[in-house]
Amino acid sequence: MKTALIILAAGKGTRMNSDLPKVLHPIAGAPMLHHAMRAGAVLDPDHTAVVAGYGAEAVTKSVAAYDDTATVVLQDEQLGTAHAAAQARDALAGFDGLASVVFGDTPFLRPETLEALAASGADVTVLGFEAADPGRYGRLVMEGDQLARIVEFKDATEAERAINLCNSGVLTAPAPLLFDLIDAVDNDNAQQEYYLTELPRLARARGLSVAVVACDEAETLGINSRAELATADAQFQAQARDTLMQDGVTLVAPDTVYLSLDTTVGRDARIDPNVVFGPGVTVESGATIRAFSHLEGCHVSRGATVGPYARLRPGAELAENVRVGNFVEIKNAELAAGAKVSHLSYIGDASVGAAANIGAGTITCNYDGVMKHHTDIGARAFIGSNTMLVAPVTIGDEAMTGSGSVITSDVEDGALALARAPQVEKPGMARKLFEMLKVKKARQSRGS
């Protein structure tokens, strides 16, 4: 079945009190718009049209970052949901498949729900939910198994307000029919806007079938304020943690682990308390991430151990059985199998060979103030504690550097490199210096 996805993302989100368009506020490290796009991807849409308005330039960049085949169309004036969906008409010109209209600020629609909508077989299908507290939601008024109309709370009778089947706003219809029905929508309401809620009534008046697919209320959660954003993030985290544990991942203290939309963790991996996963992290089966570590844009292979108190930045690539210990930062660096960076080191813009051992306090000095430079450390090399490796520099296989060295030239395979100033000893000088400083301090305290 040919499908198209129309994502409404034009609103400013006044209650967010922000210069950032509402749909770009992040949940689990990704704009909520990306959550909607990810859910819609299950339909394998032939076309994706995102309707932007406020902050259109930023929305366009965000859309392209996730899917550079998607089209962004503009809604210059926000005149209601039907008016917004109509802006996708040109982007879908000539398309006769099924169009699904979703919202960029409703991030929790499950792919299975969108599949059920697409498979309903009705001319128009509306997504509804049974509300625990229907409140001011629009009500879905059914006639048998057909949806007769959507009634807004303010317009509903007492009997209609007693209905707890509510409108999510999401719907599907063949694209030509969708735009044809939109053309028949008027703005005879207090807001003088055009609403998609009119489509079921218009479709039934033409003798068309209008079905309802129901989902869990949690899927329909819309985000309109910072408080709701926090609630949504907590909901995502709870669901994502539960999914990981069901997939065989050990979370020692689940409520303290924070995941991103695209976090991938393999079976039998262990995640200790207070670990934060930024975007773009893959942890393979059997790896261990110890407490208080922060990972983003990195790959951790089988059997590797990270932390505690470690930071993996974008471009960190850890092969099998690598050890990265406490207060170690890795950035844009590849560590081959069995390499160890156990503590208090920075490895950036580097390649570290298999079974190499990096001593405490080692720094790859990769930045000259303008350019970044690369460090190569060979297999089974031993880098002594407090070594400064001034890039660009290469340390050969099985080479060694003495503790406290500043290495500015390449070191050949198997060689020992020592690069530190000779030690000079001045007999008795320490006592003389201490006495001189004590006298000076006493004078300062007397104000003389």
Foldseek 3Di string as FASTA:
>chain_A
DAEEEEAEQADQLVQAVDLDRQQQDDFQQGRLLLLVVVLVCLVVHPAYEYEYERPQVVVVVSVCVNPVRYHYFYDPDCFEDLSSSLRCCVVCPPAFAKYKYYYSQQRQAHSVLVVCQRPVPFQKEFEKEQDPQQPQFWAFDDDVQFTQATHTSVRDDPVRNPGRTGGLLIMMHGVVLSNVLSVVFFQPDPSRGGYPRCSSNSQVVVVTGYGYDYDYPSSSQGDRYPVSSVVNSQVVLVVVLVVVVVQAEAEPDSVQERGHPPEAEEHCEYEYGNEYEHEQEYEYHQEYEYHCEYEYQEYHEHCEYAEDCEYEERLEYEYHNEYHYHCEYEENEYEYAQEYDHEQEYHYQEYAEHNEYAAHQEYEQQDPPDGGFYEYEYHNEYEAHNEYEDPPEYEEDPEYEHHNADDDYYHYHNYYDYHDDDDDDDPPVVVVVVVVVVVVVVCVVVVD
